[in-house]
Amino acid sequence: MEYNKVCLMYRNKECVVDGIRSALGLAVENMYAYGCVMDEVEMDKFTELQAESLEMLRDMEGEVFATKAANCEINDLEPITIEELGEKLRDMTHIIPYGII
């Protein structure tokens, strides 16, 4: 059985937390779900509840990446370069630009 791999790409600060919850919902539906905070989006520190959502996603074999080092440090996200992200996207069955305004 082939599983879907979904990457949600967050380019808007206001949509990151909601996007992580969406990735978690996809993981609950037996999909491999990932998120990536793109470009120069500067995030605020996660609340305890938001950090728990990230941990639940990781428990379900998902992950949230960030292209900006500061976001990785403040919220314990996985660092990724644009080149590495490009490689990872080749493995995805679905790529969703999330929260584009």
C-alpha atoms as a PDB file:
ATOM      1  CA  MET A   1       0.000   0.000   0.000  1.00  0.00           C
ATOM      2  CA  GLU A   2       1.393   3.363  -1.051  1.00  0.00           C
ATOM      3  CA  TYR A   3       1.061   6.158   1.479  1.00  0.00           C
ATOM      4  CA  ASN A   4       0.584   9.793   0.578  1.00  0.00           C
ATOM      5  CA  LYS A   5       3.319  12.233   1.515  1.00  0.00           C
ATOM      6  CA  VAL A   6       2.154  15.813   1.915  1.00  0.00           C
ATOM      7  CA  CYS A   7       4.236  18.955   2.378  1.00  0.00           C
ATOM      8  CA  LEU A   8       2.509  22.157   3.454  1.00  0.00           C
ATOM      9  CA  MET A   9       4.605  25.226   2.686  1.00  0.00           C
ATOM     10  CA  TYR A  10       4.047  28.183   5.015  1.00  0.00           C
ATOM     11  CA  ARG A  11       4.943  31.634   3.681  1.00  0.00           C
ATOM     12  CA  ASN A  12       2.867  33.711   6.075  1.00  0.00           C
ATOM     13  CA  LYS A  13       3.559  34.103   9.802  1.00  0.00           C
ATOM     14  CA  GLU A  14      -0.138  34.148  10.682  1.00  0.00           C
ATOM     15  CA  CYS A  15      -0.742  30.762   9.047  1.00  0.00           C
ATOM     16  CA  VAL A  16       2.122  28.681  10.463  1.00  0.00           C
ATOM     17  CA  VAL A  17       0.399  27.415  13.622  1.00  0.00           C
ATOM     18  CA  ASP A  18      -2.832  26.611  11.776  1.00  0.00           C
ATOM     19  CA  GLY A  19      -0.773  24.904   9.084  1.00  0.00           C
ATOM     20  CA  ILE A  20       0.972  22.719  11.652  1.00  0.00           C
ATOM     21  CA  ARG A  21      -2.431  21.676  12.999  1.00  0.00           C
ATOM     22  CA  SER A  22      -3.498  20.862   9.428  1.00  0.00           C
ATOM     23  CA  ALA A  23      -0.391  18.703   8.971  1.00  0.00           C
ATOM     24  CA  LEU A  24      -1.231  16.956  12.240  1.00  0.00           C
ATOM     25  CA  GLY A  25      -4.755  16.292  10.964  1.00  0.00           C
ATOM     26  CA  LEU A  26      -3.347  14.737   7.793  1.00  0.00           C
ATOM     27  CA  ALA A  27      -1.016  12.562   9.887  1.00  0.00           C
ATOM     28  CA  VAL A  28      -4.006  11.316  11.861  1.00  0.00           C
ATOM     29  CA  GLU A  29      -5.512  10.248   8.512  1.00  0.00           C
ATOM     30  CA  ASN A  30      -2.475   8.010   7.851  1.00  0.00           C
ATOM     31  CA  MET A  31      -0.564  10.402   5.622  1.00  0.00           C
ATOM     32  CA  TYR A  32       3.058  11.378   6.047  1.00  0.00           C
ATOM     33  CA  ALA A  33       2.746  15.102   6.700  1.00  0.00           C
ATOM     34  CA  TYR A  34       5.459  17.731   6.718  1.00  0.00           C
ATOM     35  CA  GLY A  35       5.523  21.496   6.953  1.00  0.00           C
ATOM     36  CA  CYS A  36       8.108  24.053   5.954  1.00  0.00           C
ATOM     37  CA  VAL A  37       8.318  27.656   7.168  1.00  0.00           C
ATOM     38  CA  MET A  38       9.616  29.401   4.074  1.00  0.00           C
ATOM     39  CA  ASP A  39      11.781  32.359   3.251  1.00  0.00           C
ATOM     40  CA  GLU A  40      12.242  35.097   5.810  1.00  0.00           C
ATOM     41  CA  VAL A  41       9.072  34.515   7.853  1.00  0.00           C
ATOM     42  CA  GLU A  42       9.890  35.418  11.465  1.00  0.00           C
ATOM     43  CA  MET A  43       7.958  33.321  13.942  1.00  0.00           C
ATOM     44  CA  ASP A  44       7.015  34.024  17.532  1.00  0.00           C
ATOM     45  CA  LYS A  45       7.865  31.499  20.244  1.00  0.00           C
ATOM     46  CA  PHE A  46       5.332  28.666  20.369  1.00  0.00           C
ATOM     47  CA  THR A  47       2.959  28.456  23.306  1.00  0.00           C
ATOM     48  CA  GLU A  48       2.948  25.199  25.260  1.00  0.00           C
ATOM     49  CA  LEU A  49      -0.109  23.989  23.323  1.00  0.00           C
ATOM     50  CA  GLN A  50       1.488  24.824  19.967  1.00  0.00           C
ATOM     51  CA  ALA A  51       4.708  23.027  20.967  1.00  0.00           C
ATOM     52  CA  GLU A  52       2.605  19.980  21.910  1.00  0.00           C
ATOM     53  CA  SER A  53       1.051  19.977  18.409  1.00  0.00           C
ATOM     54  CA  LEU A  54       4.551  19.897  16.920  1.00  0.00           C
ATOM     55  CA  GLU A  55       5.528  17.010  19.192  1.00  0.00           C
ATOM     56  CA  MET A  56       2.378  15.061  18.268  1.00  0.00           C
ATOM     57  CA  LEU A  57       3.189  15.549  14.578  1.00  0.00           C
ATOM     58  CA  ARG A  58       6.692  14.212  15.212  1.00  0.00           C
ATOM     59  CA  ASP A  59       5.245  11.232  17.092  1.00  0.00           C
ATOM     60  CA  MET A  60       3.327  10.421  13.895  1.00  0.00           C
ATOM     61  CA  GLU A  61       6.534  10.528  11.810  1.00  0.00           C
ATOM     62  CA  GLY A  62       5.967  14.064  10.518  1.00  0.00           C
ATOM     63  CA  GLU A  63       8.222  17.086  10.798  1.00  0.00           C
ATOM     64  CA  VAL A  64       8.269  20.870  10.423  1.00  0.00           C
ATOM     65  CA  PHE A  65      11.275  22.397   8.692  1.00  0.00           C
ATOM     66  CA  ALA A  66      12.391  26.012   8.447  1.00  0.00           C
ATOM     67  CA  THR A  67      14.694  27.741   5.989  1.00  0.00           C
ATOM     68  CA  LYS A  68      15.569  30.464   8.530  1.00  0.00           C
ATOM     69  CA  ALA A  69      17.897  29.490  11.391  1.00  0.00           C
ATOM     70  CA  ALA A  70      16.209  31.794  13.928  1.00  0.00           C
ATOM     71  CA  ASN A  71      12.911  29.905  13.552  1.00  0.00           C
ATOM     72  CA  CYS A  72      14.717  26.615  14.156  1.00  0.00           C
ATOM     73  CA  GLU A  73      16.319  27.941  17.328  1.00  0.00           C
ATOM     74  CA  ILE A  74      13.242  29.595  18.847  1.00  0.00           C
ATOM     75  CA  ASN A  75      10.772  26.763  18.136  1.00  0.00           C
ATOM     76  CA  ASP A  76      12.956  23.675  17.774  1.00  0.00           C
ATOM     77  CA  LEU A  77      12.195  23.247  14.062  1.00  0.00           C
ATOM     78  CA  GLU A  78      14.396  21.204  11.730  1.00  0.00           C
ATOM     79  CA  PRO A  79      16.715  23.371   9.610  1.00  0.00           C
ATOM     80  CA  ILE A  80      16.627  22.873   5.852  1.00  0.00           C
ATOM     81  CA  THR A  81      18.175  24.666   2.896  1.00  0.00           C
ATOM     82  CA  ILE A  82      16.225  25.487  -0.242  1.00  0.00           C
ATOM     83  CA  GLU A  83      18.276  22.871  -2.107  1.00  0.00           C
ATOM     84  CA  GLU A  84      17.493  20.176   0.492  1.00  0.00           C
ATOM     85  CA  LEU A  85      13.827  21.164   0.406  1.00  0.00           C
ATOM     86  CA  GLY A  86      13.820  20.762  -3.374  1.00  0.00           C
ATOM     87  CA  GLU A  87      15.117  17.218  -2.989  1.00  0.00           C
ATOM     88  CA  LYS A  88      12.530  16.417  -0.312  1.00  0.00           C
ATOM     89  CA  LEU A  89       9.685  17.775  -2.452  1.00  0.00           C
ATOM     90  CA  ARG A  90      10.486  15.216  -5.145  1.00  0.00           C
ATOM     91  CA  ASP A  91       9.333  12.497  -2.728  1.00  0.00           C
ATOM     92  CA  MET A  92       5.983  14.171  -1.996  1.00  0.00           C
ATOM     93  CA  THR A  93       2.721  13.112  -3.563  1.00  0.00           C
ATOM     94  CA  HIS A  94       1.114  16.477  -2.686  1.00  0.00           C
ATOM     95  CA  ILE A  95       2.646  19.936  -2.211  1.00  0.00           C
ATOM     96  CA  ILE A  96       0.348  22.545  -0.705  1.00  0.00           C
ATOM     97  CA  PRO A  97       1.202  26.263  -0.570  1.00  0.00           C
ATOM     98  CA  TYR A  98      -0.519  27.146   2.700  1.00  0.00           C
ATOM     99  CA  GLY A  99      -1.703  30.577   3.765  1.00  0.00           C
ATOM    100  CA  ILE A 100      -0.675  32.585   0.734  1.00  0.00           C
ATOM    101  CA  ILE A 101      -2.276  35.998   0.940  1.00  0.00           C
END
